[in-house]
Amino acid sequence: MSLLFACITVLFSIIGSAVGQSSYDCSEVADNFIPCVTYLVELESRPANQCCSGLQVLNQMAKINDKGPRNICQCIEDLAYTMNAPYVASRIQSLSRECHIHFSFPISIAMDCHR
């Protein structure tokens, strides 16, 4: 998993500039979101503490500018595609409740990043 994470981080460092002008790139989003993947693909019964704390960081990042939520959503969508990770819809829906957090960015099975 750590080799996969390293490869994804390098990939997002390369494509990070494509998400628009913000003070972060996709590698930062990946760093904070990857701990959630094992929960979202049903490998763990509960999200890890690192997942929930990472989501709190992403919420703060989303508030940096108007494009923040859309950029974070796009990075998460790209991450799912790159990892070929089939997120389970019910897990996405329960993530907010499990981590006691309200998302400041869209996340869903359809990943509609333009809402």
PDB file of N, CA and C in Angstrom:
ATOM      1  N   MET A   1       0.820  -1.188   0.000  1.00  0.00           N
ATOM      2  CA  MET A   1       0.000   0.000   0.000  1.00  0.00           C
ATOM      3  C   MET A   1       0.866   1.253   0.000  1.00  0.00           C
ATOM      4  N   SER A   2       2.018   1.235   0.701  1.00  0.00           N
ATOM      5  CA  SER A   2       2.866   2.422   0.744  1.00  0.00           C
ATOM      6  C   SER A   2       3.497   2.709  -0.617  1.00  0.00           C
ATOM      7  N   LEU A   3       3.841   1.671  -1.392  1.00  0.00           N
ATOM      8  CA  LEU A   3       4.370   1.884  -2.734  1.00  0.00           C
ATOM      9  C   LEU A   3       3.297   2.486  -3.630  1.00  0.00           C
ATOM     10  N   LEU A   4       2.075   2.000  -3.508  1.00  0.00           N
ATOM     11  CA  LEU A   4       0.961   2.549  -4.264  1.00  0.00           C
ATOM     12  C   LEU A   4       0.760   4.014  -3.903  1.00  0.00           C
ATOM     13  N   PHE A   5       0.808   4.322  -2.615  1.00  0.00           N
ATOM     14  CA  PHE A   5       0.654   5.694  -2.155  1.00  0.00           C
ATOM     15  C   PHE A   5       1.751   6.582  -2.727  1.00  0.00           C
ATOM     16  N   ALA A   6       2.979   6.101  -2.740  1.00  0.00           N
ATOM     17  CA  ALA A   6       4.100   6.881  -3.278  1.00  0.00           C
ATOM     18  C   ALA A   6       3.894   7.160  -4.765  1.00  0.00           C
ATOM     19  N   CYS A   7       3.461   6.158  -5.509  1.00  0.00           N
ATOM     20  CA  CYS A   7       3.215   6.339  -6.939  1.00  0.00           C
ATOM     21  C   CYS A   7       2.098   7.344  -7.184  1.00  0.00           C
ATOM     22  N   ILE A   8       1.056   7.251  -6.403  1.00  0.00           N
ATOM     23  CA  ILE A   8      -0.073   8.176  -6.551  1.00  0.00           C
ATOM     24  C   ILE A   8       0.356   9.594  -6.192  1.00  0.00           C
ATOM     25  N   THR A   9       1.145   9.735  -5.151  1.00  0.00           N
ATOM     26  CA  THR A   9       1.618  11.055  -4.755  1.00  0.00           C
ATOM     27  C   THR A   9       2.447  11.683  -5.867  1.00  0.00           C
ATOM     28  N   VAL A  10       3.323  10.906  -6.491  1.00  0.00           N
ATOM     29  CA  VAL A  10       4.120  11.420  -7.605  1.00  0.00           C
ATOM     30  C   VAL A  10       3.215  11.802  -8.768  1.00  0.00           C
ATOM     31  N   LEU A  11       2.250  10.955  -9.083  1.00  0.00           N
ATOM     32  CA  LEU A  11       1.317  11.242 -10.162  1.00  0.00           C
ATOM     33  C   LEU A  11       0.588  12.549  -9.904  1.00  0.00           C
ATOM     34  N   PHE A  12       0.079  12.737  -8.690  1.00  0.00           N
ATOM     35  CA  PHE A  12      -0.663  13.948  -8.384  1.00  0.00           C
ATOM     36  C   PHE A  12       0.236  15.169  -8.324  1.00  0.00           C
ATOM     37  N   SER A  13       1.486  15.000  -8.016  1.00  0.00           N
ATOM     38  CA  SER A  13       2.420  16.125  -8.059  1.00  0.00           C
ATOM     39  C   SER A  13       2.570  16.617  -9.492  1.00  0.00           C
ATOM     40  N   ILE A  14       2.553  15.681 -10.422  1.00  0.00           N
ATOM     41  CA  ILE A  14       2.699  16.025 -11.834  1.00  0.00           C
ATOM     42  C   ILE A  14       1.437  16.696 -12.365  1.00  0.00           C
ATOM     43  N   ILE A  15       0.257  16.155 -12.015  1.00  0.00           N
ATOM     44  CA  ILE A  15      -0.982  16.700 -12.573  1.00  0.00           C
ATOM     45  C   ILE A  15      -1.627  17.742 -11.678  1.00  0.00           C
ATOM     46  N   GLY A  16      -1.037  18.044 -10.562  1.00  0.00           N
ATOM     47  CA  GLY A  16      -1.629  18.983  -9.607  1.00  0.00           C
ATOM     48  C   GLY A  16      -1.929  20.340 -10.183  1.00  0.00           C
ATOM     49  N   SER A  17      -1.109  20.820 -11.089  1.00  0.00           N
ATOM     50  CA  SER A  17      -1.327  22.146 -11.649  1.00  0.00           C
ATOM     51  C   SER A  17      -2.568  22.202 -12.528  1.00  0.00           C
ATOM     52  N   ALA A  18      -3.093  21.074 -12.942  1.00  0.00           N
ATOM     53  CA  ALA A  18      -4.265  21.049 -13.818  1.00  0.00           C
ATOM     54  C   ALA A  18      -5.563  21.338 -13.085  1.00  0.00           C
ATOM     55  N   VAL A  19      -5.563  21.389 -11.763  1.00  0.00           N
ATOM     56  CA  VAL A  19      -6.813  21.582 -11.029  1.00  0.00           C
ATOM     57  C   VAL A  19      -7.138  23.037 -10.776  1.00  0.00           C
ATOM     58  N   GLY A  20      -6.328  23.959 -11.264  1.00  0.00           N
ATOM     59  CA  GLY A  20      -6.667  25.361 -11.117  1.00  0.00           C
ATOM     60  C   GLY A  20      -5.739  26.067 -10.157  1.00  0.00           C
ATOM     61  N   GLN A  21      -5.965  27.326 -10.021  1.00  0.00           N
ATOM     62  CA  GLN A  21      -5.124  28.147  -9.160  1.00  0.00           C
ATOM     63  C   GLN A  21      -5.619  28.051  -7.731  1.00  0.00           C
ATOM     64  N   SER A  22      -4.904  27.353  -6.915  1.00  0.00           N
ATOM     65  CA  SER A  22      -5.229  27.259  -5.501  1.00  0.00           C
ATOM     66  C   SER A  22      -3.918  27.139  -4.748  1.00  0.00           C
ATOM     67  N   SER A  23      -3.986  27.107  -3.438  1.00  0.00           N
ATOM     68  CA  SER A  23      -2.759  27.052  -2.660  1.00  0.00           C
ATOM     69  C   SER A  23      -2.392  25.614  -2.308  1.00  0.00           C
ATOM     70  N   TYR A  24      -2.949  24.634  -2.993  1.00  0.00           N
ATOM     71  CA  TYR A  24      -2.632  23.234  -2.758  1.00  0.00           C
ATOM     72  C   TYR A  24      -2.749  22.485  -4.069  1.00  0.00           C
ATOM     73  N   ASP A  25      -2.278  21.257  -4.085  1.00  0.00           N
ATOM     74  CA  ASP A  25      -2.406  20.434  -5.275  1.00  0.00           C
ATOM     75  C   ASP A  25      -2.967  19.070  -4.894  1.00  0.00           C
ATOM     76  N   CYS A  26      -3.113  18.208  -5.872  1.00  0.00           N
ATOM     77  CA  CYS A  26      -3.745  16.910  -5.619  1.00  0.00           C
ATOM     78  C   CYS A  26      -2.930  16.021  -4.690  1.00  0.00           C
ATOM     79  N   SER A  27      -1.627  16.224  -4.617  1.00  0.00           N
ATOM     80  CA  SER A  27      -0.847  15.385  -3.702  1.00  0.00           C
ATOM     81  C   SER A  27      -1.249  15.669  -2.256  1.00  0.00           C
ATOM     82  N   GLU A  28      -1.575  16.913  -1.931  1.00  0.00           N
ATOM     83  CA  GLU A  28      -2.051  17.227  -0.576  1.00  0.00           C
ATOM     84  C   GLU A  28      -3.411  16.597  -0.312  1.00  0.00           C
ATOM     85  N   VAL A  29      -4.267  16.625  -1.314  1.00  0.00           N
ATOM     86  CA  VAL A  29      -5.581  16.001  -1.177  1.00  0.00           C
ATOM     87  C   VAL A  29      -5.403  14.495  -0.980  1.00  0.00           C
ATOM     88  N   ALA A  30      -4.550  13.879  -1.782  1.00  0.00           N
ATOM     89  CA  ALA A  30      -4.305  12.438  -1.670  1.00  0.00           C
ATOM     90  C   ALA A  30      -3.760  12.089  -0.287  1.00  0.00           C
ATOM     91  N   ASP A  31      -2.816  12.871   0.203  1.00  0.00           N
ATOM     92  CA  ASP A  31      -2.248  12.617   1.537  1.00  0.00           C
ATOM     93  C   ASP A  31      -3.339  12.538   2.598  1.00  0.00           C
ATOM     94  N   ASN A  32      -4.339  13.391   2.467  1.00  0.00           N
ATOM     95  CA  ASN A  32      -5.398  13.455   3.474  1.00  0.00           C
ATOM     96  C   ASN A  32      -6.556  12.503   3.204  1.00  0.00           C
ATOM     97  N   PHE A  33      -6.722  12.084   1.956  1.00  0.00           N
ATOM     98  CA  PHE A  33      -7.875  11.239   1.614  1.00  0.00           C
ATOM     99  C   PHE A  33      -7.549   9.753   1.566  1.00  0.00           C
ATOM    100  N   ILE A  34      -6.332   9.391   1.241  1.00  0.00           N
ATOM    101  CA  ILE A  34      -5.976   7.968   1.092  1.00  0.00           C
ATOM    102  C   ILE A  34      -6.303   7.132   2.332  1.00  0.00           C
ATOM    103  N   PRO A  35      -6.147   7.656   3.552  1.00  0.00           N
ATOM    104  CA  PRO A  35      -6.527   6.825   4.704  1.00  0.00           C
ATOM    105  C   PRO A  35      -8.007   6.431   4.723  1.00  0.00           C
ATOM    106  N   CYS A  36      -8.826   7.096   3.911  1.00  0.00           N
ATOM    107  CA  CYS A  36     -10.258   6.772   3.853  1.00  0.00           C
ATOM    108  C   CYS A  36     -10.578   5.656   2.862  1.00  0.00           C
ATOM    109  N   VAL A  37      -9.676   5.394   1.948  1.00  0.00           N
ATOM    110  CA  VAL A  37      -9.961   4.462   0.851  1.00  0.00           C
ATOM    111  C   VAL A  37     -10.286   3.062   1.355  1.00  0.00           C
ATOM    112  N   THR A  38      -9.561   2.570   2.334  1.00  0.00           N
ATOM    113  CA  THR A  38      -9.829   1.207   2.812  1.00  0.00           C
ATOM    114  C   THR A  38     -11.235   1.083   3.385  1.00  0.00           C
ATOM    115  N   TYR A  39     -11.731   2.144   3.974  1.00  0.00           N
ATOM    116  CA  TYR A  39     -13.116   2.144   4.461  1.00  0.00           C
ATOM    117  C   TYR A  39     -14.086   2.213   3.281  1.00  0.00           C
ATOM    118  N   LEU A  40     -13.798   3.065   2.308  1.00  0.00           N
ATOM    119  CA  LEU A  40     -14.711   3.273   1.182  1.00  0.00           C
ATOM    120  C   LEU A  40     -14.830   2.064   0.268  1.00  0.00           C
ATOM    121  N   VAL A  41     -13.833   1.192   0.273  1.00  0.00           N
ATOM    122  CA  VAL A  41     -13.906  -0.026  -0.552  1.00  0.00           C
ATOM    123  C   VAL A  41     -14.227  -1.251   0.306  1.00  0.00           C
ATOM    124  N   GLU A  42     -14.660  -1.015   1.518  1.00  0.00           N
ATOM    125  CA  GLU A  42     -15.112  -2.037   2.462  1.00  0.00           C
ATOM    126  C   GLU A  42     -14.023  -2.997   2.923  1.00  0.00           C
ATOM    127  N   LEU A  43     -12.795  -2.506   3.052  1.00  0.00           N
ATOM    128  CA  LEU A  43     -11.743  -3.331   3.628  1.00  0.00           C
ATOM    129  C   LEU A  43     -11.668  -3.151   5.144  1.00  0.00           C
ATOM    130  N   GLU A  44     -12.264  -2.080   5.643  1.00  0.00           N
ATOM    131  CA  GLU A  44     -12.335  -1.822   7.081  1.00  0.00           C
ATOM    132  C   GLU A  44     -13.770  -1.506   7.446  1.00  0.00           C
ATOM    133  N   SER A  45     -14.153  -1.856   8.661  1.00  0.00           N
ATOM    134  CA  SER A  45     -15.537  -1.633   9.083  1.00  0.00           C
ATOM    135  C   SER A  45     -15.794  -0.205   9.543  1.00  0.00           C
ATOM    136  N   ARG A  46     -14.736   0.511   9.903  1.00  0.00           N
ATOM    137  CA  ARG A  46     -14.861   1.904  10.343  1.00  0.00           C
ATOM    138  C   ARG A  46     -13.725   2.710   9.725  1.00  0.00           C
ATOM    139  N   PRO A  47     -13.965   3.999   9.469  1.00  0.00           N
ATOM    140  CA  PRO A  47     -12.862   4.809   8.956  1.00  0.00           C
ATOM    141  C   PRO A  47     -11.776   4.986  10.016  1.00  0.00           C
ATOM    142  N   ALA A  48     -10.541   4.976   9.595  1.00  0.00           N
ATOM    143  CA  ALA A  48      -9.413   5.171  10.508  1.00  0.00           C
ATOM    144  C   ALA A  48      -9.418   6.603  11.038  1.00  0.00           C
ATOM    145  N   ASN A  49      -8.804   6.800  12.191  1.00  0.00           N
ATOM    146  CA  ASN A  49      -8.692   8.147  12.752  1.00  0.00           C
ATOM    147  C   ASN A  49      -7.995   9.091  11.772  1.00  0.00           C
ATOM    148  N   GLN A  50      -6.995   8.577  11.047  1.00  0.00           N
ATOM    149  CA  GLN A  50      -6.283   9.386  10.066  1.00  0.00           C
ATOM    150  C   GLN A  50      -7.218   9.829   8.939  1.00  0.00           C
ATOM    151  N   CYS A  51      -8.184   9.010   8.609  1.00  0.00           N
ATOM    152  CA  CYS A  51      -9.175   9.367   7.593  1.00  0.00           C
ATOM    153  C   CYS A  51      -9.981  10.569   8.073  1.00  0.00           C
ATOM    154  N   CYS A  52     -10.523  10.476   9.262  1.00  0.00           N
ATOM    155  CA  CYS A  52     -11.372  11.554   9.778  1.00  0.00           C
ATOM    156  C   CYS A  52     -10.582  12.841   9.971  1.00  0.00           C
ATOM    157  N   SER A  53      -9.364  12.750  10.460  1.00  0.00           N
ATOM    158  CA  SER A  53      -8.560  13.967  10.625  1.00  0.00           C
ATOM    159  C   SER A  53      -8.167  14.531   9.253  1.00  0.00           C
ATOM    160  N   GLY A  54      -7.938  13.666   8.288  1.00  0.00           N
ATOM    161  CA  GLY A  54      -7.648  14.127   6.936  1.00  0.00           C
ATOM    162  C   GLY A  54      -8.829  14.838   6.310  1.00  0.00           C
ATOM    163  N   LEU A  55     -10.036  14.348   6.581  1.00  0.00           N
ATOM    164  CA  LEU A  55     -11.235  15.011   6.057  1.00  0.00           C
ATOM    165  C   LEU A  55     -11.405  16.391   6.676  1.00  0.00           C
ATOM    166  N   GLN A  56     -11.029  16.546   7.928  1.00  0.00           N
ATOM    167  CA  GLN A  56     -11.085  17.863   8.562  1.00  0.00           C
ATOM    168  C   GLN A  56     -10.118  18.821   7.876  1.00  0.00           C
ATOM    169  N   VAL A  57      -8.943  18.334   7.532  1.00  0.00           N
ATOM    170  CA  VAL A  57      -7.966  19.157   6.810  1.00  0.00           C
ATOM    171  C   VAL A  57      -8.528  19.540   5.437  1.00  0.00           C
ATOM    172  N   LEU A  58      -9.131  18.576   4.742  1.00  0.00           N
ATOM    173  CA  LEU A  58      -9.709  18.866   3.426  1.00  0.00           C
ATOM    174  C   LEU A  58     -10.825  19.894   3.534  1.00  0.00           C
ATOM    175  N   ASN A  59     -11.614  19.822   4.585  1.00  0.00           N
ATOM    176  CA  ASN A  59     -12.663  20.831   4.784  1.00  0.00           C
ATOM    177  C   ASN A  59     -12.057  22.220   4.912  1.00  0.00           C
ATOM    178  N   GLN A  60     -10.971  22.347   5.642  1.00  0.00           N
ATOM    179  CA  GLN A  60     -10.300  23.643   5.771  1.00  0.00           C
ATOM    180  C   GLN A  60      -9.719  24.089   4.426  1.00  0.00           C
ATOM    181  N   MET A  61      -9.139  23.158   3.695  1.00  0.00           N
ATOM    182  CA  MET A  61      -8.587  23.479   2.378  1.00  0.00           C
ATOM    183  C   MET A  61      -9.689  23.944   1.432  1.00  0.00           C
ATOM    184  N   ALA A  62     -10.874  23.369   1.542  1.00  0.00           N
ATOM    185  CA  ALA A  62     -11.987  23.726   0.662  1.00  0.00           C
ATOM    186  C   ALA A  62     -12.424  25.170   0.857  1.00  0.00           C
ATOM    187  N   LYS A  63     -12.134  25.714   2.017  1.00  0.00           N
ATOM    188  CA  LYS A  63     -12.566  27.085   2.321  1.00  0.00           C
ATOM    189  C   LYS A  63     -11.557  28.143   1.891  1.00  0.00           C
ATOM    190  N   ILE A  64     -10.433  27.734   1.305  1.00  0.00           N
ATOM    191  CA  ILE A  64      -9.383  28.675   0.916  1.00  0.00           C
ATOM    192  C   ILE A  64      -9.856  29.624  -0.182  1.00  0.00           C
ATOM    193  N   ASN A  65     -10.561  29.086  -1.173  1.00  0.00           N
ATOM    194  CA  ASN A  65     -11.068  29.934  -2.252  1.00  0.00           C
ATOM    195  C   ASN A  65     -12.299  29.298  -2.879  1.00  0.00           C
ATOM    196  N   ASP A  66     -12.900  29.998  -3.825  1.00  0.00           N
ATOM    197  CA  ASP A  66     -14.132  29.522  -4.458  1.00  0.00           C
ATOM    198  C   ASP A  66     -13.969  28.186  -5.168  1.00  0.00           C
ATOM    199  N   LYS A  67     -12.801  27.937  -5.710  1.00  0.00           N
ATOM    200  CA  LYS A  67     -12.572  26.707  -6.479  1.00  0.00           C
ATOM    201  C   LYS A  67     -12.157  25.540  -5.592  1.00  0.00           C
ATOM    202  N   GLY A  68     -11.922  25.778  -4.315  1.00  0.00           N
ATOM    203  CA  GLY A  68     -11.452  24.738  -3.408  1.00  0.00           C
ATOM    204  C   GLY A  68     -12.287  23.476  -3.414  1.00  0.00           C
ATOM    205  N   PRO A  69     -13.609  23.587  -3.184  1.00  0.00           N
ATOM    206  CA  PRO A  69     -14.425  22.362  -3.157  1.00  0.00           C
ATOM    207  C   PRO A  69     -14.378  21.582  -4.471  1.00  0.00           C
ATOM    208  N   ARG A  70     -14.452  22.292  -5.587  1.00  0.00           N
ATOM    209  CA  ARG A  70     -14.434  21.620  -6.893  1.00  0.00           C
ATOM    210  C   ARG A  70     -13.078  20.967  -7.138  1.00  0.00           C
ATOM    211  N   ASN A  71     -11.995  21.656  -6.769  1.00  0.00           N
ATOM    212  CA  ASN A  71     -10.652  21.100  -6.968  1.00  0.00           C
ATOM    213  C   ASN A  71     -10.443  19.847  -6.125  1.00  0.00           C
ATOM    214  N   ILE A  72     -10.881  19.883  -4.873  1.00  0.00           N
ATOM    215  CA  ILE A  72     -10.750  18.710  -4.000  1.00  0.00           C
ATOM    216  C   ILE A  72     -11.556  17.542  -4.554  1.00  0.00           C
ATOM    217  N   CYS A  73     -12.772  17.821  -4.964  1.00  0.00           N
ATOM    218  CA  CYS A  73     -13.621  16.787  -5.557  1.00  0.00           C
ATOM    219  C   CYS A  73     -12.934  16.168  -6.772  1.00  0.00           C
ATOM    220  N   GLN A  74     -12.380  17.011  -7.639  1.00  0.00           N
ATOM    221  CA  GLN A  74     -11.721  16.503  -8.840  1.00  0.00           C
ATOM    222  C   GLN A  74     -10.515  15.639  -8.481  1.00  0.00           C
ATOM    223  N   CYS A  75      -9.757  16.057  -7.478  1.00  0.00           N
ATOM    224  CA  CYS A  75      -8.611  15.264  -7.043  1.00  0.00           C
ATOM    225  C   CYS A  75      -9.054  13.897  -6.512  1.00  0.00           C
ATOM    226  N   ILE A  76     -10.143  13.872  -5.744  1.00  0.00           N
ATOM    227  CA  ILE A  76     -10.653  12.603  -5.207  1.00  0.00           C
ATOM    228  C   ILE A  76     -11.155  11.718  -6.345  1.00  0.00           C
ATOM    229  N   GLU A  77     -11.818  12.326  -7.317  1.00  0.00           N
ATOM    230  CA  GLU A  77     -12.276  11.560  -8.481  1.00  0.00           C
ATOM    231  C   GLU A  77     -11.072  10.972  -9.228  1.00  0.00           C
ATOM    232  N   ASP A  78     -10.048  11.779  -9.437  1.00  0.00           N
ATOM    233  CA  ASP A  78      -8.841  11.301 -10.118  1.00  0.00           C
ATOM    234  C   ASP A  78      -8.169  10.186  -9.318  1.00  0.00           C
ATOM    235  N   LEU A  79      -8.158  10.328  -8.012  1.00  0.00           N
ATOM    236  CA  LEU A  79      -7.571   9.314  -7.142  1.00  0.00           C
ATOM    237  C   LEU A  79      -8.313   7.989  -7.285  1.00  0.00           C
ATOM    238  N   ALA A  80      -9.638   8.037  -7.273  1.00  0.00           N
ATOM    239  CA  ALA A  80     -10.439   6.820  -7.429  1.00  0.00           C
ATOM    240  C   ALA A  80     -10.161   6.161  -8.778  1.00  0.00           C
ATOM    241  N   TYR A  81     -10.059   6.978  -9.810  1.00  0.00           N
ATOM    242  CA  TYR A  81      -9.790   6.451 -11.148  1.00  0.00           C
ATOM    243  C   TYR A  81      -8.396   5.832 -11.211  1.00  0.00           C
ATOM    244  N   THR A  82      -7.406   6.541 -10.678  1.00  0.00           N
ATOM    245  CA  THR A  82      -6.021   6.069 -10.709  1.00  0.00           C
ATOM    246  C   THR A  82      -5.851   4.772  -9.936  1.00  0.00           C
ATOM    247  N   MET A  83      -6.498   4.688  -8.784  1.00  0.00           N
ATOM    248  CA  MET A  83      -6.383   3.497  -7.947  1.00  0.00           C
ATOM    249  C   MET A  83      -7.302   2.380  -8.409  1.00  0.00           C
ATOM    250  N   ASN A  84      -8.226   2.696  -9.333  1.00  0.00           N
ATOM    251  CA  ASN A  84      -9.253   1.753  -9.750  1.00  0.00           C
ATOM    252  C   ASN A  84      -9.987   1.231  -8.515  1.00  0.00           C
ATOM    253  N   ALA A  85     -10.327   2.192  -7.643  1.00  0.00           N
ATOM    254  CA  ALA A  85     -10.969   1.867  -6.371  1.00  0.00           C
ATOM    255  C   ALA A  85     -12.476   2.069  -6.486  1.00  0.00           C
ATOM    256  N   PRO A  86     -13.240   0.997  -6.460  1.00  0.00           N
ATOM    257  CA  PRO A  86     -14.703   1.122  -6.551  1.00  0.00           C
ATOM    258  C   PRO A  86     -15.305   1.505  -5.192  1.00  0.00           C
ATOM    259  N   TYR A  87     -15.414   2.807  -4.950  1.00  0.00           N
ATOM    260  CA  TYR A  87     -16.001   3.266  -3.689  1.00  0.00           C
ATOM    261  C   TYR A  87     -17.437   2.777  -3.585  1.00  0.00           C
ATOM    262  N   VAL A  88     -17.819   2.323  -2.424  1.00  0.00           N
ATOM    263  CA  VAL A  88     -19.168   1.824  -2.169  1.00  0.00           C
ATOM    264  C   VAL A  88     -20.047   3.002  -1.753  1.00  0.00           C
ATOM    265  N   ALA A  89     -21.162   3.179  -2.465  1.00  0.00           N
ATOM    266  CA  ALA A  89     -22.026   4.345  -2.253  1.00  0.00           C
ATOM    267  C   ALA A  89     -22.450   4.497  -0.796  1.00  0.00           C
ATOM    268  N   SER A  90     -22.835   3.407  -0.153  1.00  0.00           N
ATOM    269  CA  SER A  90     -23.289   3.502   1.239  1.00  0.00           C
ATOM    270  C   SER A  90     -22.155   3.942   2.163  1.00  0.00           C
ATOM    271  N   ARG A  91     -20.922   3.587   1.821  1.00  0.00           N
ATOM    272  CA  ARG A  91     -19.771   4.001   2.629  1.00  0.00           C
ATOM    273  C   ARG A  91     -19.507   5.500   2.455  1.00  0.00           C
ATOM    274  N   ILE A  92     -19.656   5.990   1.229  1.00  0.00           N
ATOM    275  CA  ILE A  92     -19.485   7.423   0.994  1.00  0.00           C
ATOM    276  C   ILE A  92     -20.512   8.195   1.810  1.00  0.00           C
ATOM    277  N   GLN A  93     -21.751   7.718   1.792  1.00  0.00           N
ATOM    278  CA  GLN A  93     -22.818   8.391   2.528  1.00  0.00           C
ATOM    279  C   GLN A  93     -22.593   8.344   4.029  1.00  0.00           C
ATOM    280  N   SER A  94     -22.037   7.265   4.532  1.00  0.00           N
ATOM    281  CA  SER A  94     -21.847   7.137   5.976  1.00  0.00           C
ATOM    282  C   SER A  94     -20.563   7.795   6.479  1.00  0.00           C
ATOM    283  N   LEU A  95     -19.667   8.155   5.577  1.00  0.00           N
ATOM    284  CA  LEU A  95     -18.386   8.737   5.976  1.00  0.00           C
ATOM    285  C   LEU A  95     -18.567  10.007   6.795  1.00  0.00           C
ATOM    286  N   SER A  96     -19.463  10.855   6.386  1.00  0.00           N
ATOM    287  CA  SER A  96     -19.739  12.091   7.124  1.00  0.00           C
ATOM    288  C   SER A  96     -20.208  11.787   8.545  1.00  0.00           C
ATOM    289  N   ARG A  97     -21.107  10.845   8.661  1.00  0.00           N
ATOM    290  CA  ARG A  97     -21.649  10.466   9.980  1.00  0.00           C
ATOM    291  C   ARG A  97     -20.575   9.785  10.833  1.00  0.00           C
ATOM    292  N   GLU A  98     -19.834   8.866  10.247  1.00  0.00           N
ATOM    293  CA  GLU A  98     -18.806   8.134  10.991  1.00  0.00           C
ATOM    294  C   GLU A  98     -17.706   9.054  11.525  1.00  0.00           C
ATOM    295  N   CYS A  99     -17.377  10.087  10.755  1.00  0.00           N
ATOM    296  CA  CYS A  99     -16.307  11.014  11.155  1.00  0.00           C
ATOM    297  C   CYS A  99     -16.837  12.265  11.850  1.00  0.00           C
ATOM    298  N   HIS A 100     -18.151  12.357  11.996  1.00  0.00           N
ATOM    299  CA  HIS A 100     -18.773  13.515  12.656  1.00  0.00           C
ATOM    300  C   HIS A 100     -18.335  14.822  11.998  1.00  0.00           C
ATOM    301  N   ILE A 101     -18.533  14.869  10.674  1.00  0.00           N
ATOM    302  CA  ILE A 101     -18.086  16.029   9.913  1.00  0.00           C
ATOM    303  C   ILE A 101     -19.061  16.299   8.770  1.00  0.00           C
ATOM    304  N   HIS A 102     -19.251  17.574   8.460  1.00  0.00           N
ATOM    305  CA  HIS A 102     -20.051  17.971   7.303  1.00  0.00           C
ATOM    306  C   HIS A 102     -19.075  18.404   6.215  1.00  0.00           C
ATOM    307  N   PHE A 103     -19.160  17.773   5.055  1.00  0.00           N
ATOM    308  CA  PHE A 103     -18.214  18.063   3.987  1.00  0.00           C
ATOM    309  C   PHE A 103     -18.422  19.450   3.389  1.00  0.00           C
ATOM    310  N   SER A 104     -17.330  20.146   3.155  1.00  0.00           N
ATOM    311  CA  SER A 104     -17.343  21.441   2.469  1.00  0.00           C
ATOM    312  C   SER A 104     -17.045  21.260   0.989  1.00  0.00           C
ATOM    313  N   PHE A 105     -17.023  20.012   0.541  1.00  0.00           N
ATOM    314  CA  PHE A 105     -16.738  19.691  -0.856  1.00  0.00           C
ATOM    315  C   PHE A 105     -17.615  18.499  -1.230  1.00  0.00           C
ATOM    316  N   PRO A 106     -17.998  18.389  -2.518  1.00  0.00           N
ATOM    317  CA  PRO A 106     -18.850  17.274  -2.925  1.00  0.00           C
ATOM    318  C   PRO A 106     -18.072  15.962  -2.984  1.00  0.00           C
ATOM    319  N   ILE A 107     -18.720  14.915  -2.527  1.00  0.00           N
ATOM    320  CA  ILE A 107     -18.169  13.565  -2.672  1.00  0.00           C
ATOM    321  C   ILE A 107     -19.361  12.620  -2.781  1.00  0.00           C
ATOM    322  N   SER A 108     -19.351  11.829  -3.832  1.00  0.00           N
ATOM    323  CA  SER A 108     -20.431  10.877  -4.060  1.00  0.00           C
ATOM    324  C   SER A 108     -19.919   9.786  -4.991  1.00  0.00           C
ATOM    325  N   ILE A 109     -20.722   8.790  -5.211  1.00  0.00           N
ATOM    326  CA  ILE A 109     -20.346   7.712  -6.115  1.00  0.00           C
ATOM    327  C   ILE A 109     -20.218   8.246  -7.542  1.00  0.00           C
ATOM    328  N   ALA A 110     -21.042   9.236  -7.894  1.00  0.00           N
ATOM    329  CA  ALA A 110     -20.998   9.822  -9.239  1.00  0.00           C
ATOM    330  C   ALA A 110     -19.942  10.906  -9.331  1.00  0.00           C
ATOM    331  N   MET A 111     -19.474  11.421  -8.185  1.00  0.00           N
ATOM    332  CA  MET A 111     -18.451  12.460  -8.129  1.00  0.00           C
ATOM    333  C   MET A 111     -18.801  13.633  -9.040  1.00  0.00           C
ATOM    334  N   ASP A 112     -19.959  14.238  -8.796  1.00  0.00           N
ATOM    335  CA  ASP A 112     -20.390  15.412  -9.547  1.00  0.00           C
ATOM    336  C   ASP A 112     -19.660  16.630  -8.964  1.00  0.00           C
ATOM    337  N   CYS A 113     -18.506  16.928  -9.507  1.00  0.00           N
ATOM    338  CA  CYS A 113     -17.652  17.972  -8.950  1.00  0.00           C
ATOM    339  C   CYS A 113     -18.077  19.383  -9.353  1.00  0.00           C
ATOM    340  N   HIS A 114     -19.086  19.513 -10.158  1.00  0.00           N
ATOM    341  CA  HIS A 114     -19.486  20.839 -10.619  1.00  0.00           C
ATOM    342  C   HIS A 114     -20.742  21.366  -9.947  1.00  0.00           C
ATOM    343  N   ARG A 115     -21.207  20.717  -8.914  1.00  0.00           N
ATOM    344  CA  ARG A 115     -22.422  21.203  -8.249  1.00  0.00           C
ATOM    345  C   ARG A 115     -22.103  22.329  -7.312  1.00  0.00           C
TER     346      ARG A 115
END
